[in-house]
Amino acid sequence: MRTISKKKVNLSATREDYVRAIFKLQIDKGGATVTEIAERLDLSKSTVSERLKNLVNDDLVVAEPYSKVELTSAGFSIGEKLTYKHRVIEVFLHSVLGMSVDKVHDEAHQLEHAVSDEVIQRMAKLVGNPEMDPHGSAIPKIKKWN
């Protein structure tokens, strides 16, 4: 993971999906190929390649020819926070609202883009600051919210 400039970037939900997909692949496999990102997002490789250029320009990913795509430290932080939000929302939906485990993922995916950091922190506190989501995946620890 490279440290690159810390310019402020506002991401659309679609671009957040790219960062989160790369984050998960980087955690699981040490990086992501364009093919893996395309498969995870159910998009064509050409679409992913084109969109990655924007994330490179925003200093969120490093994508060099014939190498795996990796997040910069800023991109990694965003991916970690999105994963935290997603998994806390899943816990909330399951434990507080009683939604079944098989339905919480899709609902959390929609909400992760809209819920503020403050609301997520309150949700996490309400459900006891969980360490695991309803699927058994670890919830990342977020050290810094800014």
C-alpha atoms as a PDB file:
ATOM      1  CA  MET A   1       0.000   0.000   0.000  1.00  0.00           C
ATOM      2  CA  ARG A   2       1.475   3.304  -1.081  1.00  0.00           C
ATOM      3  CA  THR A   3       1.035   6.629   0.637  1.00  0.00           C
ATOM      4  CA  ILE A   4       0.056   9.304  -1.844  1.00  0.00           C
ATOM      5  CA  SER A   5      -1.204  12.877  -1.469  1.00  0.00           C
ATOM      6  CA  LYS A   6      -4.177  13.433   0.786  1.00  0.00           C
ATOM      7  CA  LYS A   7      -6.423  15.458  -1.467  1.00  0.00           C
ATOM      8  CA  LYS A   8     -10.097  15.458  -0.483  1.00  0.00           C
ATOM      9  CA  VAL A   9     -12.231  13.338  -2.806  1.00  0.00           C
ATOM     10  CA  ASN A  10     -16.011  13.054  -2.869  1.00  0.00           C
ATOM     11  CA  LEU A  11     -17.000   9.652  -4.143  1.00  0.00           C
ATOM     12  CA  SER A  12     -20.224   8.570  -5.768  1.00  0.00           C
ATOM     13  CA  ALA A  13     -21.815   5.322  -4.627  1.00  0.00           C
ATOM     14  CA  THR A  14     -20.469   3.646  -7.770  1.00  0.00           C
ATOM     15  CA  ARG A  15     -16.915   4.762  -7.096  1.00  0.00           C
ATOM     16  CA  GLU A  16     -17.265   3.681  -3.466  1.00  0.00           C
ATOM     17  CA  ASP A  17     -18.258   0.229  -4.773  1.00  0.00           C
ATOM     18  CA  TYR A  18     -14.997   0.056  -6.721  1.00  0.00           C
ATOM     19  CA  VAL A  19     -12.927   1.054  -3.688  1.00  0.00           C
ATOM     20  CA  ARG A  20     -14.704  -1.467  -1.453  1.00  0.00           C
ATOM     21  CA  ALA A  21     -14.311  -4.262  -4.020  1.00  0.00           C
ATOM     22  CA  ILE A  22     -10.584  -3.539  -4.344  1.00  0.00           C
ATOM     23  CA  PHE A  23     -10.293  -3.340  -0.540  1.00  0.00           C
ATOM     24  CA  LYS A  24     -11.853  -6.772  -0.104  1.00  0.00           C
ATOM     25  CA  LEU A  25      -9.673  -8.286  -2.838  1.00  0.00           C
ATOM     26  CA  GLN A  26      -6.571  -6.647  -1.406  1.00  0.00           C
ATOM     27  CA  ILE A  27      -7.331  -8.084   2.042  1.00  0.00           C
ATOM     28  CA  ASP A  28      -8.124 -11.545   0.623  1.00  0.00           C
ATOM     29  CA  LYS A  29      -5.538 -11.760  -2.176  1.00  0.00           C
ATOM     30  CA  GLY A  30      -2.983  -8.984  -1.684  1.00  0.00           C
ATOM     31  CA  GLY A  31      -4.341  -6.946  -4.592  1.00  0.00           C
ATOM     32  CA  ALA A  32      -6.879  -7.111  -7.349  1.00  0.00           C
ATOM     33  CA  THR A  33      -6.774  -7.787 -11.049  1.00  0.00           C
ATOM     34  CA  VAL A  34      -9.066  -5.957 -13.443  1.00  0.00           C
ATOM     35  CA  THR A  35     -10.753  -9.301 -14.139  1.00  0.00           C
ATOM     36  CA  GLU A  36     -11.444  -9.908 -10.438  1.00  0.00           C
ATOM     37  CA  ILE A  37     -12.850  -6.415  -9.976  1.00  0.00           C
ATOM     38  CA  ALA A  38     -15.049  -6.843 -13.054  1.00  0.00           C
ATOM     39  CA  GLU A  39     -16.355 -10.179 -11.772  1.00  0.00           C
ATOM     40  CA  ARG A  40     -17.053  -8.811  -8.295  1.00  0.00           C
ATOM     41  CA  LEU A  41     -18.937  -5.797  -9.664  1.00  0.00           C
ATOM     42  CA  ASP A  42     -20.543  -7.707 -12.556  1.00  0.00           C
ATOM     43  CA  LEU A  43     -19.081  -5.330 -15.147  1.00  0.00           C
ATOM     44  CA  SER A  44     -16.943  -5.661 -18.251  1.00  0.00           C
ATOM     45  CA  LYS A  45     -13.160  -5.466 -17.965  1.00  0.00           C
ATOM     46  CA  SER A  46     -13.121  -2.468 -20.294  1.00  0.00           C
ATOM     47  CA  THR A  47     -15.557  -0.572 -18.056  1.00  0.00           C
ATOM     48  CA  VAL A  48     -13.460  -1.351 -14.991  1.00  0.00           C
ATOM     49  CA  SER A  49     -10.235  -0.307 -16.740  1.00  0.00           C
ATOM     50  CA  GLU A  50     -11.787   3.007 -17.721  1.00  0.00           C
ATOM     51  CA  ARG A  51     -13.145   3.711 -14.233  1.00  0.00           C
ATOM     52  CA  LEU A  52      -9.850   2.813 -12.583  1.00  0.00           C
ATOM     53  CA  LYS A  53      -8.239   5.747 -14.382  1.00  0.00           C
ATOM     54  CA  ASN A  54     -10.426   8.122 -12.341  1.00  0.00           C
ATOM     55  CA  LEU A  55      -9.478   6.424  -9.086  1.00  0.00           C
ATOM     56  CA  VAL A  56      -5.799   6.668 -10.047  1.00  0.00           C
ATOM     57  CA  ASN A  57      -6.252  10.391 -10.781  1.00  0.00           C
ATOM     58  CA  ASP A  58      -7.844  10.801  -7.334  1.00  0.00           C
ATOM     59  CA  ASP A  59      -4.837   9.075  -5.710  1.00  0.00           C
ATOM     60  CA  LEU A  60      -7.008   6.248  -4.369  1.00  0.00           C
ATOM     61  CA  VAL A  61      -5.498   3.363  -6.330  1.00  0.00           C
ATOM     62  CA  VAL A  62      -2.264   2.406  -8.009  1.00  0.00           C
ATOM     63  CA  ALA A  63      -2.875   0.542 -11.260  1.00  0.00           C
ATOM     64  CA  GLU A  64       0.239  -0.153 -13.293  1.00  0.00           C
ATOM     65  CA  PRO A  65       0.322  -2.376 -16.393  1.00  0.00           C
ATOM     66  CA  TYR A  66       0.775  -6.083 -15.649  1.00  0.00           C
ATOM     67  CA  SER A  67       0.471  -5.508 -11.895  1.00  0.00           C
ATOM     68  CA  LYS A  68      -2.304  -5.940  -9.396  1.00  0.00           C
ATOM     69  CA  VAL A  69      -4.440  -2.931  -8.580  1.00  0.00           C
ATOM     70  CA  GLU A  70      -3.785  -1.746  -5.041  1.00  0.00           C
ATOM     71  CA  LEU A  71      -5.279   0.954  -2.875  1.00  0.00           C
ATOM     72  CA  THR A  72      -3.188   3.872  -1.692  1.00  0.00           C
ATOM     73  CA  SER A  73      -3.330   4.588   2.043  1.00  0.00           C
ATOM     74  CA  ALA A  74      -6.200   7.028   1.394  1.00  0.00           C
ATOM     75  CA  GLY A  75      -8.064   4.442  -0.688  1.00  0.00           C
ATOM     76  CA  PHE A  76      -7.441   1.743   1.911  1.00  0.00           C
ATOM     77  CA  SER A  77      -8.856   3.983   4.643  1.00  0.00           C
ATOM     78  CA  ILE A  78     -12.001   4.616   2.581  1.00  0.00           C
ATOM     79  CA  GLY A  79     -12.406   0.907   1.796  1.00  0.00           C
ATOM     80  CA  GLU A  80     -11.963  -0.013   5.439  1.00  0.00           C
ATOM     81  CA  LYS A  81     -14.526   2.553   6.552  1.00  0.00           C
ATOM     82  CA  LEU A  82     -17.047   1.415   3.904  1.00  0.00           C
ATOM     83  CA  THR A  83     -16.592  -2.190   5.003  1.00  0.00           C
ATOM     84  CA  TYR A  84     -17.088  -1.145   8.626  1.00  0.00           C
ATOM     85  CA  LYS A  85     -20.271   0.728   7.728  1.00  0.00           C
ATOM     86  CA  HIS A  86     -21.604  -2.159   5.653  1.00  0.00           C
ATOM     87  CA  ARG A  87     -21.024  -4.740   8.358  1.00  0.00           C
ATOM     88  CA  VAL A  88     -22.372  -2.607  11.214  1.00  0.00           C
ATOM     89  CA  ILE A  89     -25.507  -1.972   9.166  1.00  0.00           C
ATOM     90  CA  GLU A  90     -25.852  -5.725   8.607  1.00  0.00           C
ATOM     91  CA  VAL A  91     -25.639  -6.316  12.366  1.00  0.00           C
ATOM     92  CA  PHE A  92     -28.178  -3.563  13.019  1.00  0.00           C
ATOM     93  CA  LEU A  93     -30.613  -4.872  10.418  1.00  0.00           C
ATOM     94  CA  HIS A  94     -30.330  -8.408  11.756  1.00  0.00           C
ATOM     95  CA  SER A  95     -30.254  -7.833  15.498  1.00  0.00           C
ATOM     96  CA  VAL A  96     -32.453  -4.755  15.878  1.00  0.00           C
ATOM     97  CA  LEU A  97     -34.843  -5.015  12.939  1.00  0.00           C
ATOM     98  CA  GLY A  98     -34.934  -8.807  12.829  1.00  0.00           C
ATOM     99  CA  MET A  99     -34.111  -9.148   9.146  1.00  0.00           C
ATOM    100  CA  SER A 100     -32.901 -12.551   8.033  1.00  0.00           C
ATOM    101  CA  VAL A 101     -29.182 -13.027   7.411  1.00  0.00           C
ATOM    102  CA  ASP A 102     -29.811 -13.757   3.716  1.00  0.00           C
ATOM    103  CA  LYS A 103     -31.430 -10.315   3.216  1.00  0.00           C
ATOM    104  CA  VAL A 104     -29.146  -7.986   5.178  1.00  0.00           C
ATOM    105  CA  HIS A 105     -26.292  -7.837   2.660  1.00  0.00           C
ATOM    106  CA  ASP A 106     -28.255  -6.258  -0.195  1.00  0.00           C
ATOM    107  CA  GLU A 107     -29.996  -3.817   2.135  1.00  0.00           C
ATOM    108  CA  ALA A 108     -26.711  -2.833   3.801  1.00  0.00           C
ATOM    109  CA  HIS A 109     -25.151  -2.268   0.391  1.00  0.00           C
ATOM    110  CA  GLN A 110     -27.791   0.357  -0.360  1.00  0.00           C
ATOM    111  CA  LEU A 111     -27.535   2.033   3.034  1.00  0.00           C
ATOM    112  CA  GLU A 112     -23.725   2.131   3.359  1.00  0.00           C
ATOM    113  CA  HIS A 113     -23.589   4.963   0.833  1.00  0.00           C
ATOM    114  CA  ALA A 114     -26.225   7.097   2.536  1.00  0.00           C
ATOM    115  CA  VAL A 115     -25.658   6.750   6.270  1.00  0.00           C
ATOM    116  CA  SER A 116     -23.390   9.308   7.915  1.00  0.00           C
ATOM    117  CA  ASP A 117     -20.384   8.442  10.043  1.00  0.00           C
ATOM    118  CA  GLU A 118     -22.187   9.761  13.128  1.00  0.00           C
ATOM    119  CA  VAL A 119     -25.196   7.511  12.540  1.00  0.00           C
ATOM    120  CA  ILE A 120     -22.944   4.488  11.941  1.00  0.00           C
ATOM    121  CA  GLN A 121     -21.083   5.138  15.189  1.00  0.00           C
ATOM    122  CA  ARG A 122     -24.395   5.366  17.050  1.00  0.00           C
ATOM    123  CA  MET A 123     -25.646   2.170  15.395  1.00  0.00           C
ATOM    124  CA  ALA A 124     -22.447   0.388  16.388  1.00  0.00           C
ATOM    125  CA  LYS A 125     -22.823   1.539  19.989  1.00  0.00           C
ATOM    126  CA  LEU A 126     -26.491   0.500  20.034  1.00  0.00           C
ATOM    127  CA  VAL A 127     -25.619  -3.047  18.940  1.00  0.00           C
ATOM    128  CA  GLY A 128     -22.692  -3.323  21.367  1.00  0.00           C
ATOM    129  CA  ASN A 129     -19.791  -2.425  19.062  1.00  0.00           C
ATOM    130  CA  PRO A 130     -19.786  -5.837  17.394  1.00  0.00           C
ATOM    131  CA  GLU A 131     -16.625  -7.527  16.173  1.00  0.00           C
ATOM    132  CA  MET A 132     -18.358  -9.835  13.666  1.00  0.00           C
ATOM    133  CA  ASP A 133     -21.167  -9.350  11.164  1.00  0.00           C
ATOM    134  CA  PRO A 134     -24.104 -11.811  10.890  1.00  0.00           C
ATOM    135  CA  HIS A 135     -22.183 -13.776   8.229  1.00  0.00           C
ATOM    136  CA  GLY A 136     -19.186 -14.320  10.518  1.00  0.00           C
ATOM    137  CA  SER A 137     -16.867 -11.753   8.883  1.00  0.00           C
ATOM    138  CA  ALA A 138     -14.730  -9.543  11.107  1.00  0.00           C
ATOM    139  CA  ILE A 139     -15.699  -5.900  11.369  1.00  0.00           C
ATOM    140  CA  PRO A 140     -12.635  -3.670  10.881  1.00  0.00           C
ATOM    141  CA  LYS A 141     -11.564  -1.427  13.741  1.00  0.00           C
ATOM    142  CA  ILE A 142     -11.667   2.219  12.691  1.00  0.00           C
ATOM    143  CA  LYS A 143      -9.086   4.296  14.538  1.00  0.00           C
ATOM    144  CA  LYS A 144      -9.760   7.658  12.942  1.00  0.00           C
ATOM    145  CA  TRP A 145     -13.026   8.910  11.438  1.00  0.00           C
ATOM    146  CA  ASN A 146     -11.778  12.076   9.746  1.00  0.00           C
END
